[in-house]
Amino acid sequence: MAESDRLQLKAVPANCPELDALAEHVRSFAHMLTQLQGHQLPAEIEAATAADLPSLQRFARHLERDLDAVTAGLSQPWNSGVVESHANRIKMPKRQMFGRGGFELLRKRVLLYS
């Protein structure tokens, strides 16, 4: 990152305390995610709910809907990333071409990609 961009990135949270608070919550969640510390999720949800950030509160409420599954996903080393990658690779051309070239163009793109 260029020095001017780095300085600008530091200046933005200084002018917006809500953005700074949100960035701190995101960093904390990212650390929990990368270190597989799912047992900390209830405390993270409580902190997010207590924050005066409506979007973050909404996100925390959605995590609570299936707390056991989210906690397991944040705790276990296994994931379905490879499967999701293949599904995304297959569906992306379809999404890009929806309503444009019809089935023949979609078929050609998928076959050329494979």
N, C-alpha and C. Protein backbone atom coordinates (compact mmCIF):
# COMPACT_ATOMS: atom_id res chain seq x y z
N MET A 1 0.85 -1.18 0.00
CA MET A 1 0.00 0.00 0.00
C MET A 1 0.89 1.24 0.00
N ALA A 2 0.53 2.19 -0.81
CA ALA A 2 1.30 3.43 -0.90
C ALA A 2 1.19 4.21 0.41
N GLU A 3 2.19 5.01 0.68
CA GLU A 3 2.22 5.78 1.93
C GLU A 3 1.03 6.73 2.05
N SER A 4 0.65 7.37 0.96
CA SER A 4 -0.50 8.30 1.01
C SER A 4 -1.79 7.53 1.31
N ASP A 5 -1.92 6.33 0.75
CA ASP A 5 -3.10 5.52 1.04
C ASP A 5 -3.11 5.07 2.49
N ARG A 6 -1.95 4.74 3.01
CA ARG A 6 -1.84 4.31 4.41
C ARG A 6 -2.24 5.44 5.36
N LEU A 7 -1.79 6.64 5.05
CA LEU A 7 -2.14 7.80 5.88
C LEU A 7 -3.63 8.10 5.80
N GLN A 8 -4.18 7.98 4.61
CA GLN A 8 -5.62 8.22 4.45
C GLN A 8 -6.43 7.16 5.20
N LEU A 9 -5.96 5.92 5.16
CA LEU A 9 -6.65 4.84 5.87
C LEU A 9 -6.64 5.08 7.38
N LYS A 10 -5.58 5.66 7.90
CA LYS A 10 -5.51 5.98 9.33
C LYS A 10 -6.40 7.17 9.67
N ALA A 11 -6.58 8.09 8.73
CA ALA A 11 -7.36 9.30 9.00
C ALA A 11 -8.86 9.03 9.02
N VAL A 12 -9.31 8.06 8.26
CA VAL A 12 -10.76 7.80 8.18
C VAL A 12 -11.34 7.40 9.53
N PRO A 13 -10.79 6.41 10.25
CA PRO A 13 -11.38 6.07 11.56
C PRO A 13 -11.28 7.21 12.58
N ALA A 14 -10.27 8.07 12.44
CA ALA A 14 -10.15 9.19 13.37
C ALA A 14 -11.32 10.15 13.23
N ASN A 15 -11.87 10.25 12.03
CA ASN A 15 -13.00 11.15 11.79
C ASN A 15 -14.34 10.47 12.01
N CYS A 16 -14.35 9.17 12.17
CA CYS A 16 -15.61 8.44 12.33
C CYS A 16 -15.44 7.37 13.41
N PRO A 17 -15.81 7.67 14.65
CA PRO A 17 -15.61 6.71 15.74
C PRO A 17 -16.41 5.41 15.54
N GLU A 18 -17.55 5.50 14.85
CA GLU A 18 -18.34 4.30 14.60
C GLU A 18 -17.58 3.33 13.70
N LEU A 19 -16.91 3.88 12.71
CA LEU A 19 -16.13 3.05 11.80
C LEU A 19 -14.95 2.41 12.52
N ASP A 20 -14.34 3.15 13.42
CA ASP A 20 -13.24 2.61 14.21
C ASP A 20 -13.73 1.46 15.09
N ALA A 21 -14.89 1.64 15.72
CA ALA A 21 -15.46 0.58 16.57
C ALA A 21 -15.81 -0.65 15.73
N LEU A 22 -16.39 -0.42 14.56
CA LEU A 22 -16.73 -1.53 13.68
C LEU A 22 -15.48 -2.28 13.24
N ALA A 23 -14.43 -1.57 12.90
CA ALA A 23 -13.18 -2.20 12.49
C ALA A 23 -12.61 -3.06 13.61
N GLU A 24 -12.73 -2.60 14.83
CA GLU A 24 -12.23 -3.39 15.97
C GLU A 24 -13.04 -4.68 16.13
N HIS A 25 -14.35 -4.61 15.97
CA HIS A 25 -15.19 -5.81 16.05
C HIS A 25 -14.84 -6.78 14.92
N VAL A 26 -14.61 -6.26 13.74
CA VAL A 26 -14.27 -7.11 12.58
C VAL A 26 -12.92 -7.78 12.82
N ARG A 27 -11.94 -7.04 13.34
CA ARG A 27 -10.64 -7.64 13.63
C ARG A 27 -10.76 -8.75 14.66
N SER A 28 -11.55 -8.52 15.69
CA SER A 28 -11.75 -9.52 16.73
C SER A 28 -12.41 -10.77 16.17
N PHE A 29 -13.43 -10.58 15.33
CA PHE A 29 -14.12 -11.72 14.73
C PHE A 29 -13.18 -12.46 13.78
N ALA A 30 -12.38 -11.73 13.02
CA ALA A 30 -11.44 -12.36 12.09
C ALA A 30 -10.40 -13.18 12.84
N HIS A 31 -9.94 -12.67 13.97
CA HIS A 31 -8.98 -13.43 14.78
C HIS A 31 -9.62 -14.72 15.29
N MET A 32 -10.85 -14.62 15.76
CA MET A 32 -11.56 -15.80 16.23
C MET A 32 -11.74 -16.81 15.09
N LEU A 33 -12.04 -16.32 13.92
CA LEU A 33 -12.25 -17.17 12.74
C LEU A 33 -10.95 -17.87 12.31
N THR A 34 -9.87 -17.13 12.23
CA THR A 34 -8.62 -17.71 11.74
C THR A 34 -7.94 -18.60 12.77
N GLN A 35 -8.19 -18.36 14.04
CA GLN A 35 -7.56 -19.17 15.09
C GLN A 35 -8.46 -20.30 15.59
N LEU A 36 -9.63 -20.48 14.94
CA LEU A 36 -10.59 -21.53 15.31
C LEU A 36 -10.96 -21.46 16.79
N GLN A 37 -11.37 -20.29 17.23
CA GLN A 37 -11.74 -20.06 18.63
C GLN A 37 -13.25 -19.83 18.74
N GLY A 38 -14.02 -20.80 18.27
CA GLY A 38 -15.48 -20.69 18.27
C GLY A 38 -16.09 -20.56 19.65
N HIS A 39 -15.37 -21.02 20.67
CA HIS A 39 -15.90 -20.91 22.04
C HIS A 39 -16.04 -19.45 22.48
N GLN A 40 -15.39 -18.53 21.78
CA GLN A 40 -15.50 -17.10 22.11
C GLN A 40 -16.68 -16.42 21.44
N LEU A 41 -17.42 -17.16 20.63
CA LEU A 41 -18.52 -16.56 19.87
C LEU A 41 -19.59 -15.91 20.74
N PRO A 42 -20.06 -16.55 21.83
CA PRO A 42 -21.08 -15.86 22.65
C PRO A 42 -20.62 -14.50 23.18
N ALA A 43 -19.35 -14.40 23.57
CA ALA A 43 -18.84 -13.11 24.05
C ALA A 43 -18.77 -12.10 22.91
N GLU A 44 -18.40 -12.55 21.72
CA GLU A 44 -18.35 -11.66 20.55
C GLU A 44 -19.76 -11.16 20.20
N ILE A 45 -20.73 -12.07 20.26
CA ILE A 45 -22.11 -11.69 19.96
C ILE A 45 -22.61 -10.68 20.98
N GLU A 46 -22.28 -10.92 22.24
CA GLU A 46 -22.71 -9.99 23.30
C GLU A 46 -22.09 -8.61 23.10
N ALA A 47 -20.81 -8.58 22.73
CA ALA A 47 -20.14 -7.30 22.49
C ALA A 47 -20.74 -6.59 21.28
N ALA A 48 -21.07 -7.35 20.24
CA ALA A 48 -21.66 -6.76 19.04
C ALA A 48 -23.05 -6.23 19.32
N THR A 49 -23.81 -6.95 20.14
CA THR A 49 -25.16 -6.51 20.48
C THR A 49 -25.12 -5.25 21.34
N ALA A 50 -24.11 -5.13 22.20
CA ALA A 50 -23.99 -3.96 23.07
C ALA A 50 -23.51 -2.72 22.31
N ALA A 51 -22.87 -2.92 21.18
CA ALA A 51 -22.35 -1.79 20.39
C ALA A 51 -23.52 -1.00 19.79
N ASP A 52 -23.29 0.26 19.55
CA ASP A 52 -24.32 1.13 18.98
C ASP A 52 -24.18 1.17 17.46
N LEU A 53 -24.14 -0.04 16.87
CA LEU A 53 -23.98 -0.18 15.42
C LEU A 53 -25.09 -1.12 14.91
N PRO A 54 -26.15 -0.58 14.33
CA PRO A 54 -27.30 -1.40 13.94
C PRO A 54 -26.96 -2.56 13.01
N SER A 55 -26.08 -2.36 12.06
CA SER A 55 -25.72 -3.43 11.14
C SER A 55 -25.00 -4.57 11.86
N LEU A 56 -24.13 -4.21 12.78
CA LEU A 56 -23.41 -5.22 13.55
C LEU A 56 -24.37 -5.96 14.49
N GLN A 57 -25.32 -5.25 15.07
CA GLN A 57 -26.32 -5.89 15.93
C GLN A 57 -27.16 -6.88 15.12
N ARG A 58 -27.54 -6.50 13.92
CA ARG A 58 -28.32 -7.39 13.05
C ARG A 58 -27.51 -8.64 12.70
N PHE A 59 -26.23 -8.46 12.40
CA PHE A 59 -25.35 -9.59 12.10
C PHE A 59 -25.28 -10.54 13.30
N ALA A 60 -25.14 -9.97 14.49
CA ALA A 60 -25.06 -10.79 15.71
C ALA A 60 -26.35 -11.56 15.94
N ARG A 61 -27.50 -10.93 15.70
CA ARG A 61 -28.78 -11.63 15.87
C ARG A 61 -28.89 -12.80 14.90
N HIS A 62 -28.40 -12.63 13.68
CA HIS A 62 -28.46 -13.71 12.70
C HIS A 62 -27.53 -14.86 13.10
N LEU A 63 -26.39 -14.55 13.70
CA LEU A 63 -25.51 -15.61 14.18
C LEU A 63 -26.16 -16.41 15.30
N GLU A 64 -26.94 -15.75 16.13
CA GLU A 64 -27.60 -16.44 17.25
C GLU A 64 -28.66 -17.42 16.78
N ARG A 65 -29.19 -17.24 15.60
CA ARG A 65 -30.24 -18.13 15.10
C ARG A 65 -29.80 -19.58 15.05
N ASP A 66 -28.55 -19.81 14.69
CA ASP A 66 -28.03 -21.17 14.61
C ASP A 66 -26.68 -21.21 15.30
N LEU A 67 -26.68 -20.86 16.56
CA LEU A 67 -25.45 -20.69 17.33
C LEU A 67 -24.59 -21.95 17.35
N ASP A 68 -25.21 -23.12 17.52
CA ASP A 68 -24.43 -24.36 17.60
C ASP A 68 -23.67 -24.62 16.30
N ALA A 69 -24.33 -24.45 15.17
CA ALA A 69 -23.68 -24.70 13.89
C ALA A 69 -22.57 -23.68 13.63
N VAL A 70 -22.81 -22.43 13.95
CA VAL A 70 -21.79 -21.39 13.73
C VAL A 70 -20.59 -21.64 14.64
N THR A 71 -20.85 -22.00 15.89
CA THR A 71 -19.76 -22.30 16.82
C THR A 71 -18.94 -23.48 16.33
N ALA A 72 -19.61 -24.52 15.86
CA ALA A 72 -18.89 -25.68 15.31
C ALA A 72 -18.08 -25.28 14.09
N GLY A 73 -18.65 -24.47 13.23
CA GLY A 73 -17.93 -24.02 12.04
C GLY A 73 -16.71 -23.19 12.36
N LEU A 74 -16.77 -22.45 13.46
CA LEU A 74 -15.64 -21.62 13.87
C LEU A 74 -14.63 -22.38 14.73
N SER A 75 -14.96 -23.61 15.10
CA SER A 75 -14.10 -24.39 15.98
C SER A 75 -13.40 -25.55 15.29
N GLN A 76 -14.02 -26.09 14.27
CA GLN A 76 -13.49 -27.29 13.61
C GLN A 76 -12.53 -26.92 12.47
N PRO A 77 -11.50 -27.73 12.25
CA PRO A 77 -10.57 -27.43 11.16
C PRO A 77 -11.12 -27.81 9.78
N TRP A 78 -12.22 -28.55 9.72
CA TRP A 78 -12.76 -28.99 8.44
C TRP A 78 -13.71 -27.94 7.89
N ASN A 79 -13.77 -27.84 6.57
CA ASN A 79 -14.70 -26.93 5.93
C ASN A 79 -15.07 -27.46 4.56
N SER A 80 -16.03 -26.85 3.95
CA SER A 80 -16.50 -27.28 2.63
C SER A 80 -16.02 -26.31 1.55
N GLY A 81 -14.87 -25.70 1.78
CA GLY A 81 -14.35 -24.71 0.85
C GLY A 81 -14.12 -25.24 -0.55
N VAL A 82 -13.62 -26.46 -0.67
CA VAL A 82 -13.35 -27.03 -1.99
C VAL A 82 -14.65 -27.24 -2.74
N VAL A 83 -15.65 -27.77 -2.05
CA VAL A 83 -16.95 -28.02 -2.67
C VAL A 83 -17.58 -26.69 -3.09
N GLU A 84 -17.53 -25.70 -2.22
CA GLU A 84 -18.09 -24.39 -2.54
C GLU A 84 -17.37 -23.76 -3.72
N SER A 85 -16.07 -23.98 -3.81
CA SER A 85 -15.31 -23.43 -4.93
C SER A 85 -15.78 -24.03 -6.25
N HIS A 86 -15.99 -25.35 -6.27
CA HIS A 86 -16.46 -26.00 -7.50
C HIS A 86 -17.87 -25.54 -7.86
N ALA A 87 -18.73 -25.42 -6.85
CA ALA A 87 -20.10 -24.95 -7.10
C ALA A 87 -20.09 -23.54 -7.66
N ASN A 88 -19.24 -22.68 -7.10
CA ASN A 88 -19.13 -21.31 -7.57
C ASN A 88 -18.60 -21.27 -9.00
N ARG A 89 -17.60 -22.11 -9.29
CA ARG A 89 -17.03 -22.15 -10.64
C ARG A 89 -18.08 -22.55 -11.66
N ILE A 90 -18.97 -23.45 -11.29
CA ILE A 90 -20.02 -23.91 -12.20
C ILE A 90 -21.12 -22.87 -12.36
N LYS A 91 -21.50 -22.22 -11.26
CA LYS A 91 -22.64 -21.30 -11.30
C LYS A 91 -22.30 -19.90 -11.79
N MET A 92 -21.05 -19.49 -11.68
CA MET A 92 -20.69 -18.13 -12.05
C MET A 92 -20.99 -17.81 -13.51
N PRO A 93 -20.61 -18.65 -14.48
CA PRO A 93 -20.97 -18.31 -15.87
C PRO A 93 -22.48 -18.22 -16.08
N LYS A 94 -23.22 -19.07 -15.38
CA LYS A 94 -24.68 -19.03 -15.50
C LYS A 94 -25.21 -17.68 -15.00
N ARG A 95 -24.70 -17.23 -13.89
CA ARG A 95 -25.14 -15.95 -13.34
C ARG A 95 -24.76 -14.79 -14.27
N GLN A 96 -23.56 -14.88 -14.82
CA GLN A 96 -23.10 -13.81 -15.70
C GLN A 96 -23.90 -13.75 -16.99
N MET A 97 -24.33 -14.89 -17.48
CA MET A 97 -24.99 -14.95 -18.78
C MET A 97 -26.52 -14.94 -18.69
N PHE A 98 -27.07 -14.91 -17.49
CA PHE A 98 -28.52 -15.02 -17.33
C PHE A 98 -29.24 -14.00 -18.20
N GLY A 99 -30.11 -14.48 -19.07
CA GLY A 99 -30.95 -13.62 -19.88
C GLY A 99 -30.26 -13.01 -21.07
N ARG A 100 -29.02 -13.41 -21.39
CA ARG A 100 -28.31 -12.74 -22.47
C ARG A 100 -28.20 -13.59 -23.72
N GLY A 101 -27.45 -14.67 -23.65
CA GLY A 101 -27.13 -15.38 -24.87
C GLY A 101 -27.85 -16.70 -25.03
N GLY A 102 -28.64 -17.07 -24.07
CA GLY A 102 -29.33 -18.33 -24.18
C GLY A 102 -28.44 -19.50 -23.80
N PHE A 103 -29.01 -20.68 -23.93
CA PHE A 103 -28.34 -21.88 -23.49
C PHE A 103 -27.08 -22.19 -24.30
N GLU A 104 -27.11 -21.95 -25.60
CA GLU A 104 -25.96 -22.30 -26.44
C GLU A 104 -24.69 -21.54 -26.05
N LEU A 105 -24.83 -20.24 -25.78
CA LEU A 105 -23.67 -19.45 -25.37
C LEU A 105 -23.19 -19.88 -23.99
N LEU A 106 -24.11 -20.14 -23.09
CA LEU A 106 -23.76 -20.62 -21.76
C LEU A 106 -23.01 -21.95 -21.87
N ARG A 107 -23.52 -22.85 -22.68
CA ARG A 107 -22.89 -24.16 -22.87
C ARG A 107 -21.47 -24.00 -23.41
N LYS A 108 -21.30 -23.11 -24.37
CA LYS A 108 -19.98 -22.88 -24.97
C LYS A 108 -19.00 -22.35 -23.93
N ARG A 109 -19.45 -21.40 -23.13
CA ARG A 109 -18.59 -20.84 -22.08
C ARG A 109 -18.18 -21.88 -21.07
N VAL A 110 -19.12 -22.72 -20.64
CA VAL A 110 -18.81 -23.75 -19.66
C VAL A 110 -17.84 -24.76 -20.25
N LEU A 111 -18.05 -25.18 -21.49
CA LEU A 111 -17.16 -26.16 -22.12
C LEU A 111 -15.77 -25.58 -22.37
N LEU A 112 -15.69 -24.32 -22.76
CA LEU A 112 -14.38 -23.70 -22.98
C LEU A 112 -13.62 -23.53 -21.67
N TYR A 113 -14.36 -23.29 -20.58
CA TYR A 113 -13.74 -23.09 -19.27
C TYR A 113 -13.17 -24.40 -18.73
N SER A 114 -13.87 -25.49 -19.03
CA SER A 114 -13.47 -26.80 -18.50
C SER A 114 -12.24 -27.30 -19.09
